[in-house]
Full PDB file with SEQRES, HELIX, SHEET, SSBOND, CRYST1, ORIGX, SCALE, CONECT and MASTER records, all heavy atoms in Angstrom:
SEQRES   1 A   37  ILE ALA PHE ASP ARG VAL PRO TRP TYR LEU SER ALA ALA          
SEQRES   2 A   37  TRP LEU THR PRO ALA MET LEU GLY SER LEU VAL VAL LEU          
SEQRES   3 A   37  LEU LEU THR ALA ILE ALA TRP PRO VAL SER ALA                  
HELIX    1 AA1 TRP A    8  LEU A   10  5                                   3    
HELIX    2 AA2 ALA A   12  SER A   36  1                                  25    
CRYST1    1.000    1.000    1.000  90.00  90.00  90.00 P 1           1          
ORIGX1      1.000000  0.000000  0.000000        0.00000                         
ORIGX2      0.000000  1.000000  0.000000        0.00000                         
ORIGX3      0.000000  0.000000  1.000000        0.00000                         
SCALE1      1.000000  0.000000  0.000000        0.00000                         
SCALE2      0.000000  1.000000  0.000000        0.00000                         
SCALE3      0.000000  0.000000  1.000000        0.00000                         
ATOM      1  N   ILE A   1     126.861 108.459  94.710  1.00  0.00           N  
ATOM      2  CA  ILE A   1     125.823 107.823  95.421  1.00  0.00           C  
ATOM      3  C   ILE A   1     124.693 108.706  95.775  1.00  0.00           C  
ATOM      4  O   ILE A   1     125.049 109.918  96.241  1.00  0.00           O  
ATOM      5  CB  ILE A   1     126.260 107.072  96.795  1.00  0.00           C  
ATOM      6  CG1 ILE A   1     127.389 106.006  96.473  1.00  0.00           C  
ATOM      7  CG2 ILE A   1     125.163 106.454  97.451  1.00  0.00           C  
ATOM      8  CD1 ILE A   1     128.011 105.414  97.685  1.00  0.00           C  
ATOM      9  N   ALA A   2     123.487 108.402  95.542  1.00  0.00           N  
ATOM     10  CA  ALA A   2     122.373 109.224  95.866  1.00  0.00           C  
ATOM     11  C   ALA A   2     121.385 108.393  96.758  1.00  0.00           C  
ATOM     12  O   ALA A   2     121.633 107.237  97.015  1.00  0.00           O  
ATOM     13  CB  ALA A   2     121.560 109.778  94.733  1.00  0.00           C  
ATOM     14  N   PHE A   3     120.497 109.046  97.343  1.00  0.00           N  
ATOM     15  CA  PHE A   3     119.418 108.361  98.190  1.00  0.00           C  
ATOM     16  C   PHE A   3     118.067 108.585  97.506  1.00  0.00           C  
ATOM     17  O   PHE A   3     117.578 109.725  97.438  1.00  0.00           O  
ATOM     18  CB  PHE A   3     119.429 108.837  99.589  1.00  0.00           C  
ATOM     19  CG  PHE A   3     120.739 108.581 100.354  1.00  0.00           C  
ATOM     20  CD1 PHE A   3     121.822 109.464 100.166  1.00  0.00           C  
ATOM     21  CD2 PHE A   3     120.855 107.446 101.146  1.00  0.00           C  
ATOM     22  CE1 PHE A   3     122.981 109.227 100.896  1.00  0.00           C  
ATOM     23  CE2 PHE A   3     122.064 107.190 101.871  1.00  0.00           C  
ATOM     24  CZ  PHE A   3     123.091 108.109 101.702  1.00  0.00           C  
ATOM     25  N   ASP A   4     117.457 107.515  97.039  1.00  0.00           N  
ATOM     26  CA  ASP A   4     116.146 107.642  96.341  1.00  0.00           C  
ATOM     27  C   ASP A   4     114.983 107.209  97.305  1.00  0.00           C  
ATOM     28  O   ASP A   4     115.275 106.221  98.038  1.00  0.00           O  
ATOM     29  CB  ASP A   4     116.099 106.831  95.043  1.00  0.00           C  
ATOM     30  CG  ASP A   4     116.801 107.575  93.980  1.00  0.00           C  
ATOM     31  OD1 ASP A   4     117.142 108.684  94.018  1.00  0.00           O  
ATOM     32  OD2 ASP A   4     117.067 106.865  92.866  1.00  0.00           O  
ATOM     33  N   ARG A   5     113.900 107.873  97.202  1.00  0.00           N  
ATOM     34  CA  ARG A   5     112.777 107.426  98.074  1.00  0.00           C  
ATOM     35  C   ARG A   5     112.243 106.055  97.724  1.00  0.00           C  
ATOM     36  O   ARG A   5     112.142 105.743  96.586  1.00  0.00           O  
ATOM     37  CB  ARG A   5     111.583 108.410  97.965  1.00  0.00           C  
ATOM     38  CG  ARG A   5     110.575 108.367  99.003  1.00  0.00           C  
ATOM     39  CD  ARG A   5     109.406 109.401  98.772  1.00  0.00           C  
ATOM     40  NE  ARG A   5     109.911 110.646  99.140  1.00  0.00           N  
ATOM     41  CZ  ARG A   5     109.732 111.199 100.325  1.00  0.00           C  
ATOM     42  NH1 ARG A   5     109.361 110.424 101.442  1.00  0.00           N  
ATOM     43  NH2 ARG A   5     110.203 112.548 100.586  1.00  0.00           N  
ATOM     44  N   VAL A   6     112.055 105.296  98.777  1.00  0.00           N  
ATOM     45  CA  VAL A   6     111.644 103.874  98.578  1.00  0.00           C  
ATOM     46  C   VAL A   6     110.091 103.834  98.422  1.00  0.00           C  
ATOM     47  O   VAL A   6     109.400 104.557  99.158  1.00  0.00           O  
ATOM     48  CB  VAL A   6     112.055 103.010  99.879  1.00  0.00           C  
ATOM     49  CG1 VAL A   6     111.489 101.569  99.651  1.00  0.00           C  
ATOM     50  CG2 VAL A   6     113.533 103.115 100.013  1.00  0.00           C  
ATOM     51  N   PRO A   7     109.661 103.083  97.455  1.00  0.00           N  
ATOM     52  CA  PRO A   7     108.101 102.917  97.359  1.00  0.00           C  
ATOM     53  C   PRO A   7     107.582 102.267  98.631  1.00  0.00           C  
ATOM     54  O   PRO A   7     108.235 101.532  99.289  1.00  0.00           O  
ATOM     55  CB  PRO A   7     107.977 102.009  96.153  1.00  0.00           C  
ATOM     56  CG  PRO A   7     109.272 101.333  95.998  1.00  0.00           C  
ATOM     57  CD  PRO A   7     110.313 102.286  96.413  1.00  0.00           C  
ATOM     58  N   TRP A   8     106.324 102.664  98.994  1.00  0.00           N  
ATOM     59  CA  TRP A   8     105.744 102.241 100.268  1.00  0.00           C  
ATOM     60  C   TRP A   8     105.826 100.690 100.481  1.00  0.00           C  
ATOM     61  O   TRP A   8     105.969 100.246 101.594  1.00  0.00           O  
ATOM     62  CB  TRP A   8     104.360 102.751 100.391  1.00  0.00           C  
ATOM     63  CG  TRP A   8     103.440 102.103  99.430  1.00  0.00           C  
ATOM     64  CD1 TRP A   8     103.061 102.495  98.152  1.00  0.00           C  
ATOM     65  CD2 TRP A   8     102.720 100.927  99.690  1.00  0.00           C  
ATOM     66  NE1 TRP A   8     102.213 101.640  97.659  1.00  0.00           N  
ATOM     67  CE2 TRP A   8     101.850 100.681  98.555  1.00  0.00           C  
ATOM     68  CE3 TRP A   8     102.588 100.042 100.807  1.00  0.00           C  
ATOM     69  CZ2 TRP A   8     101.118  99.555  98.435  1.00  0.00           C  
ATOM     70  CZ3 TRP A   8     101.775  98.974 100.696  1.00  0.00           C  
ATOM     71  CH2 TRP A   8     101.003  98.732  99.548  1.00  0.00           C  
ATOM     72  N   TYR A   9     105.619 100.031  99.369  1.00  0.00           N  
ATOM     73  CA  TYR A   9     105.450  98.568  99.460  1.00  0.00           C  
ATOM     74  C   TYR A   9     106.783  97.816  99.745  1.00  0.00           C  
ATOM     75  O   TYR A   9     106.817  96.632  99.993  1.00  0.00           O  
ATOM     76  CB  TYR A   9     104.751  98.013  98.296  1.00  0.00           C  
ATOM     77  CG  TYR A   9     105.408  98.331  96.888  1.00  0.00           C  
ATOM     78  CD1 TYR A   9     106.487  97.687  96.360  1.00  0.00           C  
ATOM     79  CD2 TYR A   9     104.966  99.509  96.259  1.00  0.00           C  
ATOM     80  CE1 TYR A   9     107.136  98.049  95.197  1.00  0.00           C  
ATOM     81  CE2 TYR A   9     105.486  99.814  95.048  1.00  0.00           C  
ATOM     82  CZ  TYR A   9     106.529  99.178  94.451  1.00  0.00           C  
ATOM     83  OH  TYR A   9     107.158  99.533  93.302  1.00  0.00           O  
ATOM     84  N   LEU A  10     107.938  98.581  99.646  1.00  0.00           N  
ATOM     85  CA  LEU A  10     109.214  98.065  99.941  1.00  0.00           C  
ATOM     86  C   LEU A  10     109.952  98.732 101.063  1.00  0.00           C  
ATOM     87  O   LEU A  10     111.152  98.592 101.261  1.00  0.00           O  
ATOM     88  CB  LEU A  10     110.141  97.993  98.750  1.00  0.00           C  
ATOM     89  CG  LEU A  10     109.710  96.992  97.595  1.00  0.00           C  
ATOM     90  CD1 LEU A  10     110.639  97.223  96.377  1.00  0.00           C  
ATOM     91  CD2 LEU A  10     109.632  95.621  98.006  1.00  0.00           C  
ATOM     92  N   SER A  11     109.183  99.589 101.908  1.00  0.00           N  
ATOM     93  CA  SER A  11     109.772 100.335 102.888  1.00  0.00           C  
ATOM     94  C   SER A  11     110.058  99.537 104.105  1.00  0.00           C  
ATOM     95  O   SER A  11     109.165  98.950 104.641  1.00  0.00           O  
ATOM     96  CB  SER A  11     108.879 101.530 103.238  1.00  0.00           C  
ATOM     97  OG  SER A  11     109.409 102.321 104.301  1.00  0.00           O  
ATOM     98  N   ALA A  12     111.333  99.576 104.542  1.00  0.00           N  
ATOM     99  CA  ALA A  12     111.703  98.852 105.770  1.00  0.00           C  
ATOM    100  C   ALA A  12     111.018  99.450 107.008  1.00  0.00           C  
ATOM    101  O   ALA A  12     111.022  98.870 108.065  1.00  0.00           O  
ATOM    102  CB  ALA A  12     113.197  98.856 105.984  1.00  0.00           C  
ATOM    103  N   ALA A  13     110.525 100.691 106.891  1.00  0.00           N  
ATOM    104  CA  ALA A  13     109.921 101.428 108.076  1.00  0.00           C  
ATOM    105  C   ALA A  13     108.730 100.565 108.619  1.00  0.00           C  
ATOM    106  O   ALA A  13     108.477 100.569 109.830  1.00  0.00           O  
ATOM    107  CB  ALA A  13     109.416 102.832 107.590  1.00  0.00           C  
ATOM    108  N   TRP A  14     108.016  99.884 107.743  1.00  0.00           N  
ATOM    109  CA  TRP A  14     106.949  99.089 108.231  1.00  0.00           C  
ATOM    110  C   TRP A  14     107.225  97.619 107.980  1.00  0.00           C  
ATOM    111  O   TRP A  14     106.670  96.748 108.809  1.00  0.00           O  
ATOM    112  CB  TRP A  14     105.565  99.439 107.549  1.00  0.00           C  
ATOM    113  CG  TRP A  14     105.370  99.068 106.124  1.00  0.00           C  
ATOM    114  CD1 TRP A  14     105.787  99.834 105.050  1.00  0.00           C  
ATOM    115  CD2 TRP A  14     104.816  97.941 105.631  1.00  0.00           C  
ATOM    116  NE1 TRP A  14     105.417  99.234 103.874  1.00  0.00           N  
ATOM    117  CE2 TRP A  14     104.953  97.948 104.155  1.00  0.00           C  
ATOM    118  CE3 TRP A  14     104.325  96.775 106.232  1.00  0.00           C  
ATOM    119  CZ2 TRP A  14     104.369  96.989 103.318  1.00  0.00           C  
ATOM    120  CZ3 TRP A  14     103.761  95.714 105.322  1.00  0.00           C  
ATOM    121  CH2 TRP A  14     103.810  95.843 104.002  1.00  0.00           C  
ATOM    122  N   LEU A  15     108.015  97.250 106.989  1.00  0.00           N  
ATOM    123  CA  LEU A  15     108.289  95.927 106.637  1.00  0.00           C  
ATOM    124  C   LEU A  15     109.054  95.142 107.774  1.00  0.00           C  
ATOM    125  O   LEU A  15     108.888  94.025 107.962  1.00  0.00           O  
ATOM    126  CB  LEU A  15     108.911  95.660 105.311  1.00  0.00           C  
ATOM    127  CG  LEU A  15     107.828  95.645 104.154  1.00  0.00           C  
ATOM    128  CD1 LEU A  15     108.566  95.674 102.813  1.00  0.00           C  
ATOM    129  CD2 LEU A  15     106.957  94.540 104.169  1.00  0.00           C  
ATOM    130  N   THR A  16     110.196  95.913 108.189  1.00  0.00           N  
ATOM    131  CA  THR A  16     110.996  95.340 109.234  1.00  0.00           C  
ATOM    132  C   THR A  16     110.273  94.922 110.482  1.00  0.00           C  
ATOM    133  O   THR A  16     110.265  93.809 110.972  1.00  0.00           O  
ATOM    134  CB  THR A  16     112.252  96.170 109.478  1.00  0.00           C  
ATOM    135  OG1 THR A  16     112.937  96.313 108.242  1.00  0.00           O  
ATOM    136  CG2 THR A  16     113.064  95.576 110.564  1.00  0.00           C  
ATOM    137  N   PRO A  17     109.511  95.921 111.144  1.00  0.00           N  
ATOM    138  CA  PRO A  17     108.753  95.536 112.299  1.00  0.00           C  
ATOM    139  C   PRO A  17     107.667  94.486 112.007  1.00  0.00           C  
ATOM    140  O   PRO A  17     107.388  93.678 112.874  1.00  0.00           O  
ATOM    141  CB  PRO A  17     108.082  96.839 112.790  1.00  0.00           C  
ATOM    142  CG  PRO A  17     108.258  97.765 111.679  1.00  0.00           C  
ATOM    143  CD  PRO A  17     109.386  97.392 110.850  1.00  0.00           C  
ATOM    144  N   ALA A  18     107.145  94.554 110.767  1.00  0.00           N  
ATOM    145  CA  ALA A  18     106.082  93.558 110.406  1.00  0.00           C  
ATOM    146  C   ALA A  18     106.718  92.155 110.319  1.00  0.00           C  
ATOM    147  O   ALA A  18     106.189  91.188 110.770  1.00  0.00           O  
ATOM    148  CB  ALA A  18     105.404  93.920 109.120  1.00  0.00           C  
ATOM    149  N   MET A  19     107.899  92.130 109.786  1.00  0.00           N  
ATOM    150  CA  MET A  19     108.594  90.790 109.696  1.00  0.00           C  
ATOM    151  C   MET A  19     108.945  90.320 111.007  1.00  0.00           C  
ATOM    152  O   MET A  19     108.753  89.063 111.303  1.00  0.00           O  
ATOM    153  CB  MET A  19     109.883  90.938 108.801  1.00  0.00           C  
ATOM    154  CG  MET A  19     110.628  89.663 108.731  1.00  0.00           C  
ATOM    155  SD  MET A  19     112.287  89.868 107.902  1.00  0.00           S  
ATOM    156  CE  MET A  19     113.147  90.797 109.254  1.00  0.00           C  
ATOM    157  N   LEU A  20     109.532  91.138 111.833  1.00  0.00           N  
ATOM    158  CA  LEU A  20     109.936  90.626 113.242  1.00  0.00           C  
ATOM    159  C   LEU A  20     108.671  90.234 114.028  1.00  0.00           C  
ATOM    160  O   LEU A  20     108.710  89.183 114.765  1.00  0.00           O  
ATOM    161  CB  LEU A  20     110.600  91.787 113.908  1.00  0.00           C  
ATOM    162  CG  LEU A  20     112.029  92.195 113.331  1.00  0.00           C  
ATOM    163  CD1 LEU A  20     112.542  93.355 114.049  1.00  0.00           C  
ATOM    164  CD2 LEU A  20     112.966  91.035 113.379  1.00  0.00           C  
ATOM    165  N   GLY A  21     107.601  91.008 113.931  1.00  0.00           N  
ATOM    166  CA  GLY A  21     106.320  90.590 114.555  1.00  0.00           C  
ATOM    167  C   GLY A  21     105.811  89.266 114.043  1.00  0.00           C  
ATOM    168  O   GLY A  21     105.303  88.501 114.780  1.00  0.00           O  
ATOM    169  N   SER A  22     105.924  89.101 112.758  1.00  0.00           N  
ATOM    170  CA  SER A  22     105.474  87.872 112.105  1.00  0.00           C  
ATOM    171  C   SER A  22     106.182  86.630 112.547  1.00  0.00           C  
ATOM    172  O   SER A  22     105.654  85.537 112.929  1.00  0.00           O  
ATOM    173  CB  SER A  22     105.430  87.917 110.633  1.00  0.00           C  
ATOM    174  OG  SER A  22     104.587  88.997 110.149  1.00  0.00           O  
ATOM    175  N   LEU A  23     107.502  86.808 112.669  1.00  0.00           N  
ATOM    176  CA  LEU A  23     108.441  85.789 113.156  1.00  0.00           C  
ATOM    177  C   LEU A  23     108.094  85.378 114.579  1.00  0.00           C  
ATOM    178  O   LEU A  23     108.166  84.180 114.987  1.00  0.00           O  
ATOM    179  CB  LEU A  23     109.871  86.100 112.956  1.00  0.00           C  
ATOM    180  CG  LEU A  23     110.369  86.187 111.461  1.00  0.00           C  
ATOM    181  CD1 LEU A  23     111.771  86.670 111.456  1.00  0.00           C  
ATOM    182  CD2 LEU A  23     110.168  84.840 110.810  1.00  0.00           C  
ATOM    183  N   VAL A  24     107.741  86.413 115.395  1.00  0.00           N  
ATOM    184  CA  VAL A  24     107.430  86.133 116.789  1.00  0.00           C  
ATOM    185  C   VAL A  24     106.164  85.381 116.878  1.00  0.00           C  
ATOM    186  O   VAL A  24     106.041  84.362 117.531  1.00  0.00           O  
ATOM    187  CB  VAL A  24     107.384  87.492 117.621  1.00  0.00           C  
ATOM    188  CG1 VAL A  24     106.684  87.261 118.915  1.00  0.00           C  
ATOM    189  CG2 VAL A  24     108.790  88.127 117.781  1.00  0.00           C  
ATOM    190  N   VAL A  25     105.207  85.696 116.111  1.00  0.00           N  
ATOM    191  CA  VAL A  25     103.872  85.054 116.065  1.00  0.00           C  
ATOM    192  C   VAL A  25     104.088  83.620 115.594  1.00  0.00           C  
ATOM    193  O   VAL A  25     103.540  82.699 116.172  1.00  0.00           O  
ATOM    194  CB  VAL A  25     103.009  85.824 115.103  1.00  0.00           C  
ATOM    195  CG1 VAL A  25     101.654  84.882 114.865  1.00  0.00           C  
ATOM    196  CG2 VAL A  25     102.399  87.079 115.756  1.00  0.00           C  
ATOM    197  N   LEU A  26     104.805  83.425 114.495  1.00  0.00           N  
ATOM    198  CA  LEU A  26     105.068  82.090 114.044  1.00  0.00           C  
ATOM    199  C   LEU A  26     105.877  81.259 114.939  1.00  0.00           C  
ATOM    200  O   LEU A  26     105.604  80.001 115.152  1.00  0.00           O  
ATOM    201  CB  LEU A  26     105.749  82.123 112.662  1.00  0.00           C  
ATOM    202  CG  LEU A  26     104.946  82.792 111.581  1.00  0.00           C  
ATOM    203  CD1 LEU A  26     105.793  82.953 110.293  1.00  0.00           C  
ATOM    204  CD2 LEU A  26     103.688  81.956 111.236  1.00  0.00           C  
ATOM    205  N   LEU A  27     106.906  81.861 115.651  1.00  0.00           N  
ATOM    206  CA  LEU A  27     107.701  81.080 116.560  1.00  0.00           C  
ATOM    207  C   LEU A  27     106.754  80.669 117.831  1.00  0.00           C  
ATOM    208  O   LEU A  27     106.920  79.454 118.270  1.00  0.00           O  
ATOM    209  CB  LEU A  27     108.850  81.945 117.105  1.00  0.00           C  
ATOM    210  CG  LEU A  27     109.755  81.328 118.142  1.00  0.00           C  
ATOM    211  CD1 LEU A  27     110.451  80.041 117.506  1.00  0.00           C  
ATOM    212  CD2 LEU A  27     110.881  82.268 118.589  1.00  0.00           C  
ATOM    213  N   LEU A  28     105.935  81.544 118.324  1.00  0.00           N  
ATOM    214  CA  LEU A  28     105.079  81.253 119.461  1.00  0.00           C  
ATOM    215  C   LEU A  28     104.179  80.124 119.087  1.00  0.00           C  
ATOM    216  O   LEU A  28     103.847  79.219 119.886  1.00  0.00           O  
ATOM    217  CB  LEU A  28     104.369  82.501 119.926  1.00  0.00           C  
ATOM    218  CG  LEU A  28     105.297  83.509 120.613  1.00  0.00           C  
ATOM    219  CD1 LEU A  28     104.406  84.739 120.963  1.00  0.00           C  
ATOM    220  CD2 LEU A  28     105.965  82.941 121.896  1.00  0.00           C  
ATOM    221  N   THR A  29     103.706  80.226 117.896  1.00  0.00           N  
ATOM    222  CA  THR A  29     102.674  79.187 117.397  1.00  0.00           C  
ATOM    223  C   THR A  29     103.395  77.915 117.267  1.00  0.00           C  
ATOM    224  O   THR A  29     102.854  76.759 117.713  1.00  0.00           O  
ATOM    225  CB  THR A  29     102.145  79.653 115.990  1.00  0.00           C  
ATOM    226  OG1 THR A  29     101.535  80.896 116.057  1.00  0.00           O  
ATOM    227  CG2 THR A  29     101.286  78.544 115.406  1.00  0.00           C  
ATOM    228  N   ALA A  30     104.621  77.857 116.739  1.00  0.00           N  
ATOM    229  CA  ALA A  30     105.342  76.547 116.654  1.00  0.00           C  
ATOM    230  C   ALA A  30     105.614  75.959 117.963  1.00  0.00           C  
ATOM    231  O   ALA A  30     105.478  74.798 118.292  1.00  0.00           O  
ATOM    232  CB  ALA A  30     106.623  76.780 115.810  1.00  0.00           C  
ATOM    233  N   ILE A  31     106.020  76.825 118.970  1.00  0.00           N  
ATOM    234  CA  ILE A  31     106.339  76.404 120.299  1.00  0.00           C  
ATOM    235  C   ILE A  31     105.133  75.905 121.004  1.00  0.00           C  
ATOM    236  O   ILE A  31     105.092  74.913 121.694  1.00  0.00           O  
ATOM    237  CB  ILE A  31     107.073  77.488 121.083  1.00  0.00           C  
ATOM    238  CG1 ILE A  31     108.451  77.847 120.471  1.00  0.00           C  
ATOM    239  CG2 ILE A  31     107.288  77.105 122.532  1.00  0.00           C  
ATOM    240  CD1 ILE A  31     109.202  78.986 121.109  1.00  0.00           C  
ATOM    241  N   ALA A  32     104.088  76.630 120.804  1.00  0.00           N  
ATOM    242  CA  ALA A  32     102.815  76.242 121.492  1.00  0.00           C  
ATOM    243  C   ALA A  32     102.291  74.860 121.139  1.00  0.00           C  
ATOM    244  O   ALA A  32     101.576  74.260 121.928  1.00  0.00           O  
ATOM    245  CB  ALA A  32     101.729  77.337 121.272  1.00  0.00           C  
ATOM    246  N   TRP A  33     102.546  74.505 119.941  1.00  0.00           N  
ATOM    247  CA  TRP A  33     101.969  73.183 119.465  1.00  0.00           C  
ATOM    248  C   TRP A  33     102.527  72.066 120.345  1.00  0.00           C  
ATOM    249  O   TRP A  33     101.642  71.254 120.992  1.00  0.00           O  
ATOM    250  CB  TRP A  33     102.376  73.029 118.009  1.00  0.00           C  
ATOM    251  CG  TRP A  33     101.834  71.777 117.381  1.00  0.00           C  
ATOM    252  CD1 TRP A  33     100.747  71.013 117.789  1.00  0.00           C  
ATOM    253  CD2 TRP A  33     102.368  71.159 116.187  1.00  0.00           C  
ATOM    254  NE1 TRP A  33     100.592  69.934 116.923  1.00  0.00           N  
ATOM    255  CE2 TRP A  33     101.622  70.034 115.884  1.00  0.00           C  
ATOM    256  CE3 TRP A  33     103.396  71.490 115.281  1.00  0.00           C  
ATOM    257  CZ2 TRP A  33     101.810  69.192 114.852  1.00  0.00           C  
ATOM    258  CZ3 TRP A  33     103.591  70.530 114.140  1.00  0.00           C  
ATOM    259  CH2 TRP A  33     102.810  69.505 113.958  1.00  0.00           C  
ATOM    260  N   PRO A  34     103.805  71.806 120.435  1.00  0.00           N  
ATOM    261  CA  PRO A  34     104.314  70.663 121.307  1.00  0.00           C  
ATOM    262  C   PRO A  34     104.021  70.948 122.798  1.00  0.00           C  
ATOM    263  O   PRO A  34     103.678  69.913 123.546  1.00  0.00           O  
ATOM    264  CB  PRO A  34     105.752  70.609 121.029  1.00  0.00           C  
ATOM    265  CG  PRO A  34     106.176  71.958 120.520  1.00  0.00           C  
ATOM    266  CD  PRO A  34     105.012  72.443 119.771  1.00  0.00           C  
ATOM    267  N   VAL A  35     104.037  72.236 123.213  1.00  0.00           N  
ATOM    268  CA  VAL A  35     103.719  72.518 124.742  1.00  0.00           C  
ATOM    269  C   VAL A  35     102.383  72.106 124.994  1.00  0.00           C  
ATOM    270  O   VAL A  35     102.051  71.481 126.002  1.00  0.00           O  
ATOM    271  CB  VAL A  35     103.985  74.004 124.989  1.00  0.00           C  
ATOM    272  CG1 VAL A  35     103.470  74.287 126.363  1.00  0.00           C  
ATOM    273  CG2 VAL A  35     105.527  74.261 124.848  1.00  0.00           C  
ATOM    274  N   SER A  36     101.422  72.466 124.138  1.00  0.00           N  
ATOM    275  CA  SER A  36      99.939  72.148 124.420  1.00  0.00           C  
ATOM    276  C   SER A  36      99.753  70.674 124.300  1.00  0.00           C  
ATOM    277  O   SER A  36      98.870  70.071 125.197  1.00  0.00           O  
ATOM    278  CB  SER A  36      99.058  72.836 123.431  1.00  0.00           C  
ATOM    279  OG  SER A  36      99.344  72.507 122.102  1.00  0.00           O  
ATOM    280  N   ALA A  37     100.443  70.007 123.367  1.00  0.00           N  
ATOM    281  CA  ALA A  37     100.278  68.476 123.212  1.00  0.00           C  
ATOM    282  C   ALA A  37     100.745  67.814 124.511  1.00  0.00           C  
ATOM    283  O   ALA A  37     100.130  66.852 125.032  1.00  0.00           O  
ATOM    284  CB  ALA A  37     101.075  68.050 122.070  1.00  0.00           C  
TER     285      ALA A  37                                                      
MASTER        0    0    0    2    0    0    0    6  284    1    0    3          
END                                                                             
């Protein structure tokens, strides 16, 4: 087993926090819709 450098566009270093942040934004957006209604 070796460890190869990940290309920037598939790096979890930024994609994982970006994904989690995106899910938070989308979740708040979804919740805000019925709450505001």
